């Protein structure tokens, strides 16, 4: 490729600048020296010759088997670009958390849960965070001096979160009874009595994730308005009892399972089964019987208001088996899942079944340290250590909880800010063409030459310039 620069003086006063030649087989970009000033030149012509050559790489044909788009570009220095980057002091698993605990000695993970056993004909209702059950308004109208709700629950991996297992309200839409199991802070809140959020009698306590997330657990909550005592049962065992007050529970006209009773917020995510409600306080023995209800002998059957055992009745109507015909209407698509089906890996424990606990060592992690403040992007050391945490999983591998292991060391992230200045390139394209198909092409010994008038680009073609031919 040759540039001819013709001066204003006379037609024969021409300067030639040779750039790419036929032996520039692999060179795609280079720097060439042009006159420092082109003001005295009236015309600038670019001679571009295409020739078939045995030295052409990539295939066995002198001109190439394919046609290509070919560009001629001028690369000019552009504006300075200032880049500001923040570099962390350590990286683990490709991330840099605010803090990370590690241990030089092995740490362990614990797996807890119930071994899977076949339970043919048993189902549960799975809530996906935008669906709920609407209970008939008259179902709880007899609640006054006593209340018990019992059910199986298995929260999904997103727990704990801001959701409600159920809520019941009066004709004014004020809260009378409500259960968070748990709320987003991991605390169970059971409101019963009084009218309005923040005005109810309440019992609450923190709950271990093992008993609400990834493992089926049975809960029962009670309120005795004669004594003013509220109770919480977990797997048939009383875990909390407190005298909270004697605010009234009568006047309930509406109840929703799986969300707030306004059906606009706090949608539950997880599974529910064997949901039962009574208008009296059940004893511990009755609650234990409610864990595995038998339709031939239900606990406190004379006070039972509703029972949703969940069966193959369809997704829009969940049948009440209490005998009171308080069938619930499903909104959204809460899914009915068989416990022994392929979609379910988590089964309710059977009567007398013991919790399985197993421990396995954690695998080592690779922590990359960056300790050079002048070059914060360059690693300065590495640590091959153990995670400084004790993880708790269910038997299917869902993370339930974690805590800092004994003798763990703390890494706290520090950030180094580095500012770099770099000149960006400005790219100007001055020519483009598509080569002919070259498999049987013959352009002769001297090739074929194009002549471009590139005089309009004169301001770019002075001094040392970089240009690429691709």
Protein backbone atom coordinates (compact mmCIF):
# COMPACT_ATOMS: atom_id res chain seq x y z
CA UNK A 1 0.00 0.00 0.00
CA UNK A 2 1.48 3.35 -1.11
CA UNK A 3 0.38 6.91 -0.41
CA UNK A 4 1.27 9.51 -3.06
CA UNK A 5 1.26 13.14 -1.89
CA UNK A 6 1.37 15.64 -4.80
CA UNK A 7 2.52 19.20 -4.00
CA UNK A 8 1.02 22.50 -5.11
CA UNK A 9 4.33 23.40 -6.87
CA UNK A 10 4.19 21.17 -9.95
CA UNK A 11 2.50 17.88 -10.97
CA UNK A 12 5.81 16.04 -10.87
CA UNK A 13 6.65 17.06 -7.31
CA UNK A 14 5.28 14.01 -5.53
CA UNK A 15 6.21 12.29 -2.26
CA UNK A 16 5.57 8.58 -1.84
CA UNK A 17 5.04 6.92 1.55
CA UNK A 18 5.22 3.14 1.51
CA UNK A 19 3.20 1.35 4.17
CA UNK A 20 2.10 -2.30 4.02
CA UNK A 21 3.86 -4.52 1.49
CA UNK A 22 3.21 -8.01 0.13
CA UNK A 23 5.40 -9.55 2.78
CA UNK A 24 3.18 -8.08 5.55
CA UNK A 25 1.39 -11.41 5.78
CA UNK A 26 0.48 -11.32 9.47
CA UNK A 27 0.86 -7.62 10.27
CA UNK A 28 -2.49 -5.99 10.82
CA UNK A 29 -1.37 -2.77 12.45
CA UNK A 30 1.82 -0.70 12.32
CA UNK A 31 3.18 2.83 12.71
CA UNK A 32 4.34 4.75 9.60
CA UNK A 33 6.08 8.12 9.20
CA UNK A 34 4.24 10.73 7.14
CA UNK A 35 5.35 14.34 6.55
CA UNK A 36 5.00 16.48 9.63
CA UNK A 37 2.89 18.90 7.60
CA UNK A 38 0.77 18.18 4.55
CA UNK A 39 -0.39 21.74 3.93
CA UNK A 40 1.77 22.05 0.76
CA UNK A 41 0.23 18.95 -0.85
CA UNK A 42 -2.77 19.42 -3.12
CA UNK A 43 -3.83 15.82 -3.42
CA UNK A 44 -3.25 12.61 -1.51
CA UNK A 45 -3.86 9.28 -3.25
CA UNK A 46 -3.84 5.83 -1.63
CA UNK A 47 -2.80 2.91 -3.86
CA UNK A 48 -4.15 -0.40 -2.64
CA UNK A 49 -3.02 -3.55 -4.48
CA UNK A 50 -4.60 -6.97 -4.02
CA UNK A 51 -2.57 -9.94 -5.27
CA UNK A 52 -2.83 -13.71 -5.00
CA UNK A 53 0.24 -15.15 -3.28
CA UNK A 54 1.30 -18.63 -2.25
CA UNK A 55 2.49 -17.18 1.06
CA UNK A 56 -1.11 -16.43 2.08
CA UNK A 57 -1.83 -18.46 5.25
CA UNK A 58 -4.98 -20.20 6.58
CA UNK A 59 -5.70 -22.36 3.48
CA UNK A 60 -4.01 -23.83 0.42
CA UNK A 61 -5.33 -21.28 -2.09
CA UNK A 62 -3.20 -18.27 -3.16
CA UNK A 63 -6.11 -15.85 -2.80
CA UNK A 64 -7.99 -17.62 -0.03
CA UNK A 65 -11.11 -19.74 -0.22
CA UNK A 66 -13.36 -17.08 1.33
CA UNK A 67 -14.24 -13.47 0.70
CA UNK A 68 -13.49 -10.97 3.49
CA UNK A 69 -14.47 -7.46 4.44
CA UNK A 70 -11.27 -5.38 4.47
CA UNK A 71 -10.82 -2.11 6.36
CA UNK A 72 -8.21 0.61 6.30
CA UNK A 73 -8.21 2.65 9.49
CA UNK A 74 -6.18 5.42 11.07
CA UNK A 75 -5.61 5.24 14.84
CA UNK A 76 -5.18 8.58 16.56
CA UNK A 77 -4.54 9.49 20.19
CA UNK A 78 -7.80 10.49 21.85
CA UNK A 79 -8.82 12.08 25.10
CA UNK A 80 -7.48 10.99 28.42
CA UNK A 81 -9.76 8.60 30.28
CA UNK A 82 -9.64 8.49 34.06
CA UNK A 83 -10.64 5.16 35.61
CA UNK A 84 -11.30 4.69 39.33
CA UNK A 85 -11.36 1.12 40.62
CA UNK A 86 -11.88 -0.23 44.13
CA UNK A 87 -9.90 -3.36 45.02
CA UNK A 88 -10.81 -5.59 48.01
CA UNK A 89 -8.19 -6.90 50.40
CA UNK A 90 -9.31 -10.53 49.95
CA UNK A 91 -11.40 -12.74 47.66
CA UNK A 92 -12.98 -16.09 48.53
CA UNK A 93 -15.09 -18.15 46.13
CA UNK A 94 -14.86 -15.27 43.66
CA UNK A 95 -16.51 -12.84 46.10
CA UNK A 96 -15.36 -10.38 48.72
CA UNK A 97 -17.86 -10.23 51.58
CA UNK A 98 -17.66 -7.52 54.21
CA UNK A 99 -16.29 -10.10 56.63
CA UNK A 100 -15.35 -13.75 56.46
CA UNK A 101 -14.37 -16.23 59.15
CA UNK A 102 -11.80 -18.94 58.46
CA UNK A 103 -10.20 -21.67 60.53
CA UNK A 104 -6.78 -23.32 60.41
CA UNK A 105 -8.25 -26.52 61.85
CA UNK A 106 -11.08 -28.58 60.31
CA UNK A 107 -14.65 -27.36 60.75
CA UNK A 108 -17.81 -29.41 60.35
CA UNK A 109 -21.25 -29.30 58.76
CA UNK A 110 -24.25 -30.97 60.34
CA UNK A 111 -27.07 -32.65 58.42
CA UNK A 112 -30.39 -33.02 60.24
CA UNK A 113 -33.76 -34.33 59.19
CA UNK A 114 -36.02 -37.33 58.88
CA UNK A 115 -35.29 -40.25 56.61
CA UNK A 116 -37.75 -40.53 53.74
CA UNK A 117 -40.48 -43.12 54.27
CA UNK A 118 -43.28 -43.94 51.92
CA UNK A 119 -46.64 -42.43 52.90
CA UNK A 120 -49.00 -43.29 50.03
CA UNK A 121 -52.13 -41.20 49.75
CA UNK A 122 -50.77 -38.26 51.77
CA UNK A 123 -50.54 -34.78 50.25
CA UNK A 124 -49.63 -31.25 51.25
CA UNK A 125 -50.35 -27.79 49.93
CA UNK A 126 -47.36 -25.82 48.61
CA UNK A 127 -47.55 -22.00 48.62
CA UNK A 128 -45.26 -20.18 46.19
CA UNK A 129 -45.45 -16.65 47.59
CA UNK A 130 -48.45 -15.28 45.66
CA UNK A 131 -51.31 -17.60 46.57
CA UNK A 132 -53.51 -18.32 49.60
CA UNK A 133 -56.60 -20.06 50.98
CA UNK A 134 -59.74 -18.09 51.69
CA UNK A 135 -61.68 -19.58 54.61
CA UNK A 136 -65.48 -19.04 54.82
CA UNK A 137 -66.29 -16.00 56.95
CA UNK A 138 -68.51 -17.94 59.35
CA UNK A 139 -65.90 -20.58 60.16
CA UNK A 140 -64.54 -18.83 63.28
CA UNK A 141 -67.62 -16.92 64.43
CA UNK A 142 -67.91 -19.11 67.56
CA UNK A 143 -64.37 -18.32 68.80
CA UNK A 144 -64.52 -16.43 72.10
CA UNK A 145 -63.06 -17.97 75.26
CA UNK A 146 -60.64 -20.41 73.64
CA UNK A 147 -58.71 -20.96 70.42
CA UNK A 148 -56.32 -23.62 69.08
CA UNK A 149 -54.75 -23.93 65.64
CA UNK A 150 -52.58 -26.94 64.71
CA UNK A 151 -50.80 -27.82 61.45
CA UNK A 152 -47.66 -29.17 59.80
CA UNK A 153 -45.33 -26.59 58.19
CA UNK A 154 -42.18 -26.72 56.05
CA UNK A 155 -40.85 -23.32 54.95
CA UNK A 156 -38.86 -23.08 51.73
CA UNK A 157 -35.26 -21.88 51.25
CA UNK A 158 -36.28 -18.19 51.32
CA UNK A 159 -37.29 -18.37 54.99
CA UNK A 160 -37.24 -16.49 57.29
CA UNK A 161 -39.20 -13.75 55.53
CA UNK A 162 -41.95 -11.22 56.13
CA UNK A 163 -44.95 -13.51 55.77
CA UNK A 164 -47.95 -14.82 57.71
CA UNK A 165 -49.15 -18.40 58.08
CA UNK A 166 -52.67 -17.15 58.77
CA UNK A 167 -54.63 -14.10 59.89
CA UNK A 168 -58.23 -13.63 61.08
CA UNK A 169 -59.99 -10.24 61.25
CA UNK A 170 -63.28 -8.69 62.34
CA UNK A 171 -65.91 -6.89 60.28
CA UNK A 172 -63.78 -3.72 60.28
CA UNK A 173 -60.76 -5.57 58.91
CA UNK A 174 -58.92 -5.30 62.24
CA UNK A 175 -56.58 -8.11 63.25
CA UNK A 176 -57.89 -10.49 65.92
CA UNK A 177 -55.63 -13.55 65.46
CA UNK A 178 -52.39 -13.79 63.49
CA UNK A 179 -49.33 -16.07 63.25
CA UNK A 180 -45.86 -15.35 61.84
CA UNK A 181 -43.80 -18.56 61.80
CA UNK A 182 -41.34 -16.97 61.87
CA UNK A 183 -41.07 -13.32 60.85
CA UNK A 184 -38.01 -12.13 58.91
CA UNK A 185 -36.02 -11.88 62.17
CA UNK A 186 -36.47 -15.59 62.92
CA UNK A 187 -38.99 -14.96 65.72
CA UNK A 188 -42.40 -16.64 65.96
CA UNK A 189 -45.18 -14.13 66.78
CA UNK A 190 -48.64 -15.34 67.79
CA UNK A 191 -51.30 -12.62 68.22
CA UNK A 192 -54.64 -13.62 69.77
CA UNK A 193 -57.19 -11.23 71.28
CA UNK A 194 -57.74 -7.53 70.80
CA UNK A 195 -58.48 -5.64 67.62
CA UNK A 196 -55.86 -4.06 65.38
CA UNK A 197 -52.16 -4.52 64.56
CA UNK A 198 -50.06 -3.77 67.66
CA UNK A 199 -53.10 -3.97 69.94
CA UNK A 200 -53.30 -7.76 70.33
CA UNK A 201 -52.21 -10.02 73.15
CA UNK A 202 -49.00 -11.63 71.94
CA UNK A 203 -46.51 -14.41 72.68
CA UNK A 204 -43.25 -14.71 70.78
CA UNK A 205 -39.92 -16.56 70.81
CA UNK A 206 -36.97 -17.21 68.46
CA UNK A 207 -37.18 -20.45 66.46
CA UNK A 208 -34.29 -22.65 65.30
CA UNK A 209 -34.36 -22.80 61.45
CA UNK A 210 -34.37 -26.59 61.71
CA UNK A 211 -37.95 -26.29 62.92
CA UNK A 212 -39.43 -24.10 60.22
CA UNK A 213 -37.20 -24.38 57.12
CA UNK A 214 -36.54 -27.43 54.97
CA UNK A 215 -37.87 -29.89 57.58
CA UNK A 216 -41.51 -30.69 58.33
CA UNK A 217 -42.50 -29.66 61.86
CA UNK A 218 -45.83 -29.72 63.64
CA UNK A 219 -46.99 -26.59 65.49
CA UNK A 220 -49.97 -25.78 67.64
CA UNK A 221 -50.83 -22.40 69.18
CA UNK A 222 -53.48 -21.80 71.84
CA UNK A 223 -55.15 -18.87 73.61
CA UNK A 224 -57.17 -19.26 76.81
CA UNK A 225 -59.21 -16.11 77.36
CA UNK A 226 -60.33 -17.26 80.81
CA UNK A 227 -56.77 -17.49 82.16
CA UNK A 228 -55.19 -15.12 79.65
CA UNK A 229 -52.49 -17.70 78.77
CA UNK A 230 -51.06 -18.28 75.29
CA UNK A 231 -49.08 -21.41 74.42
CA UNK A 232 -46.85 -22.71 71.62
CA UNK A 233 -46.33 -26.43 70.93
CA UNK A 234 -43.62 -27.85 68.66
CA UNK A 235 -43.94 -31.49 67.56
CA UNK A 236 -46.43 -32.05 70.36
CA UNK A 237 -44.20 -30.57 73.08
CA UNK A 238 -44.99 -27.32 74.90
CA UNK A 239 -42.09 -24.91 74.25
CA UNK A 240 -43.57 -21.63 75.50
CA UNK A 241 -46.39 -20.53 77.79
CA UNK A 242 -47.14 -16.99 78.92
CA UNK A 243 -49.96 -15.03 80.51
CA UNK A 244 -50.49 -12.25 77.97
CA UNK A 245 -53.98 -10.87 78.63
CA UNK A 246 -57.68 -11.49 78.16
CA UNK A 247 -58.56 -9.31 75.19
CA UNK A 248 -61.61 -10.53 73.31
CA UNK A 249 -61.41 -12.85 70.30
CA UNK A 250 -65.08 -12.74 69.30
CA UNK A 251 -66.39 -11.10 66.15
CA UNK A 252 -64.13 -12.84 63.61
CA UNK A 253 -65.70 -12.60 60.16
CA UNK A 254 -62.81 -13.51 57.86
CA UNK A 255 -59.72 -15.73 57.78
CA UNK A 256 -56.91 -16.25 55.25
CA UNK A 257 -54.29 -19.02 55.28
CA UNK A 258 -50.99 -18.21 53.57
CA UNK A 259 -51.17 -14.40 53.66
CA UNK A 260 -52.53 -11.37 55.49
CA UNK A 261 -56.32 -11.35 55.55
CA UNK A 262 -56.32 -8.39 53.14
CA UNK A 263 -54.75 -10.84 50.65
CA UNK A 264 -52.33 -8.22 49.42
CA UNK A 265 -49.21 -8.78 51.51
CA UNK A 266 -47.02 -11.20 53.50
CA UNK A 267 -47.58 -14.25 51.32
CA UNK A 268 -46.23 -17.45 52.82
CA UNK A 269 -43.68 -19.60 50.96
CA UNK A 270 -43.55 -23.27 51.83
CA UNK A 271 -45.76 -26.25 52.59
CA UNK A 272 -48.75 -26.63 54.93
CA UNK A 273 -50.73 -29.73 55.83
CA UNK A 274 -53.41 -30.97 58.25
CA UNK A 275 -54.52 -27.43 59.13
CA UNK A 276 -57.03 -27.62 62.05
CA UNK A 277 -58.81 -25.01 64.20
CA UNK A 278 -60.86 -25.42 67.41
CA UNK A 279 -62.85 -22.93 69.52
CA UNK A 280 -61.28 -24.30 72.72
CA UNK A 281 -57.84 -24.82 74.22
CA UNK A 282 -56.57 -28.33 73.56
CA UNK A 283 -54.52 -30.31 76.06
CA UNK A 284 -51.03 -31.58 75.27
CA UNK A 285 -52.40 -35.08 74.72
CA UNK A 286 -55.02 -33.79 72.28
CA UNK A 287 -52.41 -31.80 70.38
CA UNK A 288 -50.25 -34.89 70.05
CA UNK A 289 -53.23 -36.73 68.59
CA UNK A 290 -53.74 -33.82 66.16
CA UNK A 291 -50.29 -34.47 64.70
CA UNK A 292 -51.62 -37.62 63.03
CA UNK A 293 -55.41 -37.10 62.93
CA UNK A 294 -57.67 -40.08 62.35
CA UNK A 295 -61.03 -39.23 60.79
CA UNK A 296 -62.63 -41.93 62.99
CA UNK A 297 -61.48 -40.31 66.23
CA UNK A 298 -60.54 -36.64 65.93
CA UNK A 299 -59.29 -34.79 69.03
CA UNK A 300 -61.93 -32.53 70.64
CA UNK A 301 -64.18 -33.23 67.66
CA UNK A 302 -67.14 -31.41 69.23
CA UNK A 303 -65.13 -28.15 69.19
CA UNK A 304 -63.41 -28.66 65.83
CA UNK A 305 -64.22 -25.81 63.44
CA UNK A 306 -62.28 -26.86 60.34
CA UNK A 307 -59.78 -29.45 59.13
CA UNK A 308 -57.93 -29.29 55.82
CA UNK A 309 -56.03 -32.58 55.46
CA UNK A 310 -55.32 -31.81 51.75
CA UNK A 311 -56.17 -34.47 49.22
CA UNK A 312 -56.70 -34.95 45.50
CA UNK A 313 -59.78 -32.75 45.54
CA UNK A 314 -58.50 -30.17 43.06
CA UNK A 315 -56.60 -26.94 43.45
CA UNK A 316 -59.47 -24.47 43.63
CA UNK A 317 -61.39 -26.06 46.51
CA UNK A 318 -59.68 -27.50 49.58
CA UNK A 319 -62.26 -29.67 51.32
CA UNK A 320 -63.03 -29.34 55.02
CA UNK A 321 -63.17 -32.80 56.63
CA UNK A 322 -64.38 -31.57 60.04
CA UNK A 323 -67.99 -32.16 59.03
CA UNK A 324 -68.78 -28.41 59.12
CA UNK A 325 -68.54 -27.95 55.34
CA UNK A 326 -66.14 -25.00 55.70
CA UNK A 327 -64.43 -25.68 52.37
CA UNK A 328 -61.64 -23.22 51.53
CA UNK A 329 -61.18 -21.54 48.16
CA UNK A 330 -57.65 -21.52 46.75
CA UNK A 331 -56.49 -18.33 45.04
CA UNK A 332 -53.46 -18.26 42.80
CA UNK A 333 -52.08 -21.73 42.25
CA UNK A 334 -51.14 -23.37 45.57
CA UNK A 335 -49.94 -26.76 44.39
CA UNK A 336 -51.19 -30.03 45.83
CA UNK A 337 -48.13 -32.32 46.07
CA UNK A 338 -48.05 -36.00 47.09
CA UNK A 339 -45.51 -36.67 49.83
CA UNK A 340 -44.23 -39.74 48.03
CA UNK A 341 -44.20 -38.10 44.59
CA UNK A 342 -41.17 -36.94 42.54
CA UNK A 343 -41.77 -33.27 43.41
CA UNK A 344 -41.45 -33.93 47.14
CA UNK A 345 -38.20 -34.87 48.85
CA UNK A 346 -39.33 -33.87 52.35
CA UNK A 347 -41.63 -36.09 54.34
CA UNK A 348 -43.39 -35.60 57.62
CA UNK A 349 -41.84 -37.72 60.38
CA UNK A 350 -43.90 -40.76 61.22
CA UNK A 351 -45.01 -41.45 64.79
CA UNK A 352 -41.95 -42.28 66.88
CA UNK A 353 -39.49 -41.51 64.09
CA UNK A 354 -36.25 -40.00 65.42
CA UNK A 355 -34.34 -37.08 63.97
CA UNK A 356 -31.28 -38.18 61.96
CA UNK A 357 -28.10 -36.19 62.65
CA UNK A 358 -24.84 -36.60 60.75
CA UNK A 359 -21.64 -34.52 60.66
CA UNK A 360 -19.18 -34.16 57.77
CA UNK A 361 -15.97 -32.10 57.55
CA UNK A 362 -16.05 -28.89 55.52
CA UNK A 363 -13.80 -28.79 52.46
CA UNK A 364 -10.95 -26.29 52.39
CA UNK A 365 -11.33 -22.88 50.77
CA UNK A 366 -8.80 -20.80 48.86
CA UNK A 367 -8.57 -17.18 50.06
CA UNK A 368 -6.58 -14.77 47.88
CA UNK A 369 -5.06 -11.80 49.73
CA UNK A 370 -4.19 -8.43 48.19
CA UNK A 371 -1.83 -6.53 50.48
CA UNK A 372 0.10 -4.15 48.18
CA UNK A 373 -1.50 -0.71 48.39
CA UNK A 374 0.46 0.49 45.32
CA UNK A 375 -0.63 -2.50 43.24
CA UNK A 376 -3.89 -3.57 44.88
CA UNK A 377 -4.91 -5.70 41.90
CA UNK A 378 -1.93 -8.08 42.29
CA UNK A 379 -2.28 -10.99 44.78
CA UNK A 380 0.29 -11.00 47.56
CA UNK A 381 -0.58 -14.20 49.41
CA UNK A 382 -3.00 -17.11 49.54
CA UNK A 383 -4.58 -19.06 52.38
CA UNK A 384 -5.71 -22.70 52.10
CA UNK A 385 -7.95 -22.95 55.14
CA UNK A 386 -11.33 -24.21 56.33
CA UNK A 387 -14.53 -22.15 56.40
CA UNK A 388 -14.86 -20.68 59.88
CA UNK A 389 -18.51 -21.67 60.08
CA UNK A 390 -20.61 -24.54 61.32
CA UNK A 391 -23.30 -25.12 58.70
CA UNK A 392 -26.58 -26.93 59.32
CA UNK A 393 -28.36 -28.59 56.38
CA UNK A 394 -31.38 -30.80 56.02
CA UNK A 395 -30.85 -34.27 54.59
CA UNK A 396 -31.55 -32.95 51.07
CA UNK A 397 -28.74 -30.39 51.29
CA UNK A 398 -30.78 -27.22 51.93
CA UNK A 399 -28.88 -24.78 54.14
CA UNK A 400 -30.88 -24.21 57.32
CA UNK A 401 -28.51 -22.21 59.48
CA UNK A 402 -24.88 -21.29 60.10
CA UNK A 403 -22.82 -20.11 63.05
CA UNK A 404 -19.20 -19.07 63.62
CA UNK A 405 -16.98 -22.00 64.58
CA UNK A 406 -14.82 -22.01 67.69
CA UNK A 407 -11.33 -20.50 67.26
CA UNK A 408 -12.26 -18.96 63.89
CA UNK A 409 -10.24 -16.02 62.58
CA UNK A 410 -11.94 -12.94 61.19
CA UNK A 411 -11.06 -11.29 57.89
CA UNK A 412 -12.55 -7.84 57.45
CA UNK A 413 -12.61 -6.42 53.97
CA UNK A 414 -10.52 -3.32 53.32
CA UNK A 415 -10.83 -1.43 50.07
CA UNK A 416 -8.03 0.30 48.17
CA UNK A 417 -8.99 2.86 45.55
CA UNK A 418 -6.72 3.23 42.53
CA UNK A 419 -6.97 5.91 39.85
CA UNK A 420 -5.48 5.27 36.40
CA UNK A 421 -5.20 7.64 33.45
CA UNK A 422 -5.14 6.29 29.92
CA UNK A 423 -5.41 7.89 26.51
CA UNK A 424 -8.17 6.41 24.46
CA UNK A 425 -7.69 5.81 20.76
CA UNK A 426 -9.78 7.49 18.13
CA UNK A 427 -10.36 5.24 15.13
CA UNK A 428 -11.13 6.72 11.70
CA UNK A 429 -12.03 4.42 8.82
CA UNK A 430 -10.84 5.74 5.44
CA UNK A 431 -11.61 2.75 3.19
CA UNK A 432 -13.52 -0.51 3.07
CA UNK A 433 -14.13 -3.20 0.47
CA UNK A 434 -15.03 -6.87 0.16
CA UNK A 435 -12.47 -9.12 -1.47
CA UNK A 436 -13.64 -11.35 -4.32
CA UNK A 437 -14.08 -15.07 -3.71
CA UNK A 438 -10.53 -16.36 -4.05
CA UNK A 439 -10.63 -20.11 -4.55
CA UNK A 440 -9.93 -19.97 -8.30
CA UNK A 441 -9.17 -16.26 -8.57
CA UNK A 442 -6.14 -15.08 -10.60
CA UNK A 443 -5.21 -11.38 -10.35
CA UNK A 444 -1.99 -11.73 -12.36
CA UNK A 445 1.61 -11.34 -11.30
CA UNK A 446 1.21 -7.68 -10.30
CA UNK A 447 -2.25 -7.96 -8.80
CA UNK A 448 -5.13 -5.45 -9.05
CA UNK A 449 -4.74 -1.91 -7.74
CA UNK A 450 -7.38 0.47 -6.40
CA UNK A 451 -6.62 4.16 -6.22
CA UNK A 452 -8.42 6.14 -3.49
CA UNK A 453 -8.43 9.90 -3.29
CA UNK A 454 -8.00 10.42 0.44
CA UNK A 455 -7.23 14.16 0.30
CA UNK A 456 -10.10 14.86 2.64
CA UNK A 457 -8.22 12.93 5.32
CA UNK A 458 -5.09 15.12 5.00
CA UNK A 459 -5.26 16.39 8.63
CA UNK A 460 -4.98 12.77 9.79
CA UNK A 461 -2.03 11.80 7.58
CA UNK A 462 0.84 13.71 9.18
CA UNK A 463 3.61 12.70 11.53
CA UNK A 464 3.77 9.14 12.89
CA UNK A 465 0.40 7.52 12.68
CA UNK A 466 -0.88 4.05 13.44
CA UNK A 467 -3.06 2.34 10.93
CA UNK A 468 -4.56 -1.16 10.79
CA UNK A 469 -5.48 -3.25 7.77
CA UNK A 470 -7.73 -6.22 8.60
